[in-house]
């Protein structure tokens, strides 16, 4: 089970922030439906070649500062 919960409105903003930081990610890499956090984490782990902890930390950090450009 994923350590984070993201709704579709939050994802729209977070997706933009992630895309700015990781320009090599495609729209397919960032496809997400509410409740599919686990699939998103696994896909980002593979694409960014990072450990699960890093991906979850990055997503949580982006959610914490959703109103800013900080990621």
C-alpha atoms as a PDB file:
ATOM      1  CA  UNK A   1       0.000   0.000   0.000  1.00  0.00           C
ATOM      2  CA  UNK A   2       1.229   3.485  -0.857  1.00  0.00           C
ATOM      3  CA  UNK A   3       2.414   5.792   1.901  1.00  0.00           C
ATOM      4  CA  UNK A   4       0.755   8.796   0.279  1.00  0.00           C
ATOM      5  CA  UNK A   5      -2.717   9.711  -0.936  1.00  0.00           C
ATOM      6  CA  UNK A   6      -3.144  12.130  -3.831  1.00  0.00           C
ATOM      7  CA  UNK A   7      -6.434  13.426  -5.189  1.00  0.00           C
ATOM      8  CA  UNK A   8      -6.852  14.476  -8.817  1.00  0.00           C
ATOM      9  CA  UNK A   9      -6.795  18.229  -8.092  1.00  0.00           C
ATOM     10  CA  UNK A  10      -3.554  17.935  -6.132  1.00  0.00           C
ATOM     11  CA  UNK A  11      -2.073  15.741  -8.843  1.00  0.00           C
ATOM     12  CA  UNK A  12      -2.626  18.378 -11.538  1.00  0.00           C
ATOM     13  CA  UNK A  13      -0.417  20.859  -9.648  1.00  0.00           C
ATOM     14  CA  UNK A  14       2.092  18.266  -8.464  1.00  0.00           C
ATOM     15  CA  UNK A  15       2.449  16.857 -11.975  1.00  0.00           C
ATOM     16  CA  UNK A  16       3.545  20.261 -13.290  1.00  0.00           C
ATOM     17  CA  UNK A  17       6.164  20.566 -10.565  1.00  0.00           C
ATOM     18  CA  UNK A  18       7.518  17.070 -11.216  1.00  0.00           C
ATOM     19  CA  UNK A  19       7.617  17.671 -14.963  1.00  0.00           C
ATOM     20  CA  UNK A  20       9.620  20.865 -14.432  1.00  0.00           C
ATOM     21  CA  UNK A  21      12.185  19.056 -12.294  1.00  0.00           C
ATOM     22  CA  UNK A  22      12.382  15.857 -14.339  1.00  0.00           C
ATOM     23  CA  UNK A  23      12.097  16.976 -17.957  1.00  0.00           C
ATOM     24  CA  UNK A  24      12.742  13.454 -19.261  1.00  0.00           C
ATOM     25  CA  UNK A  25       9.391  12.173 -17.926  1.00  0.00           C
ATOM     26  CA  UNK A  26       6.611  11.749 -20.457  1.00  0.00           C
ATOM     27  CA  UNK A  27       2.882  12.251 -19.970  1.00  0.00           C
ATOM     28  CA  UNK A  28       2.584   8.466 -19.931  1.00  0.00           C
ATOM     29  CA  UNK A  29       5.125   8.247 -17.095  1.00  0.00           C
ATOM     30  CA  UNK A  30       3.023  10.739 -15.142  1.00  0.00           C
ATOM     31  CA  UNK A  31      -0.382   9.233 -15.869  1.00  0.00           C
ATOM     32  CA  UNK A  32      -2.326   8.878 -12.646  1.00  0.00           C
ATOM     33  CA  UNK A  33      -5.841   8.125 -11.456  1.00  0.00           C
ATOM     34  CA  UNK A  34      -6.919   8.680  -7.890  1.00  0.00           C
ATOM     35  CA  UNK A  35      -6.254   5.570  -5.816  1.00  0.00           C
ATOM     36  CA  UNK A  36      -3.413   4.389  -8.079  1.00  0.00           C
ATOM     37  CA  UNK A  37      -0.570   5.816  -5.988  1.00  0.00           C
ATOM     38  CA  UNK A  38       1.271   2.497  -5.817  1.00  0.00           C
ATOM     39  CA  UNK A  39       1.439   2.187  -9.612  1.00  0.00           C
ATOM     40  CA  UNK A  40       2.673   5.783  -9.890  1.00  0.00           C
ATOM     41  CA  UNK A  41       5.422   5.190  -7.323  1.00  0.00           C
ATOM     42  CA  UNK A  42       6.593   2.004  -9.058  1.00  0.00           C
ATOM     43  CA  UNK A  43       6.600   3.693 -12.464  1.00  0.00           C
ATOM     44  CA  UNK A  44       8.582   6.690 -11.155  1.00  0.00           C
ATOM     45  CA  UNK A  45      11.047   4.404  -9.376  1.00  0.00           C
ATOM     46  CA  UNK A  46      11.810   2.636 -12.652  1.00  0.00           C
ATOM     47  CA  UNK A  47      11.892   5.759 -14.798  1.00  0.00           C
ATOM     48  CA  UNK A  48      13.998   7.899 -12.431  1.00  0.00           C
ATOM     49  CA  UNK A  49      16.125   4.973 -11.197  1.00  0.00           C
ATOM     50  CA  UNK A  50      15.565   5.996  -7.596  1.00  0.00           C
ATOM     51  CA  UNK A  51      14.596   4.093  -4.477  1.00  0.00           C
ATOM     52  CA  UNK A  52      11.040   4.043  -3.204  1.00  0.00           C
ATOM     53  CA  UNK A  53      11.917   6.237  -0.226  1.00  0.00           C
ATOM     54  CA  UNK A  54      13.182   9.000  -2.518  1.00  0.00           C
ATOM     55  CA  UNK A  55      10.066   8.927  -4.719  1.00  0.00           C
ATOM     56  CA  UNK A  56       7.689   8.996  -1.732  1.00  0.00           C
ATOM     57  CA  UNK A  57       9.722  11.775  -0.085  1.00  0.00           C
ATOM     58  CA  UNK A  58       9.641  13.835  -3.294  1.00  0.00           C
ATOM     59  CA  UNK A  59       5.883  13.397  -3.724  1.00  0.00           C
ATOM     60  CA  UNK A  60       5.204  14.266  -0.079  1.00  0.00           C
ATOM     61  CA  UNK A  61       7.467  17.301  -0.256  1.00  0.00           C
ATOM     62  CA  UNK A  62       5.695  18.477  -3.401  1.00  0.00           C
ATOM     63  CA  UNK A  63       2.322  18.039  -1.712  1.00  0.00           C
ATOM     64  CA  UNK A  64       3.467  19.972   1.354  1.00  0.00           C
ATOM     65  CA  UNK A  65       4.378  22.980  -0.767  1.00  0.00           C
ATOM     66  CA  UNK A  66       1.598  22.599  -3.343  1.00  0.00           C
ATOM     67  CA  UNK A  67       0.987  26.339  -3.691  1.00  0.00           C
ATOM     68  CA  UNK A  68       4.636  27.115  -4.460  1.00  0.00           C
ATOM     69  CA  UNK A  69       7.085  25.956  -7.101  1.00  0.00           C
ATOM     70  CA  UNK A  70       9.153  24.168  -4.482  1.00  0.00           C
ATOM     71  CA  UNK A  71       9.686  20.463  -4.991  1.00  0.00           C
END
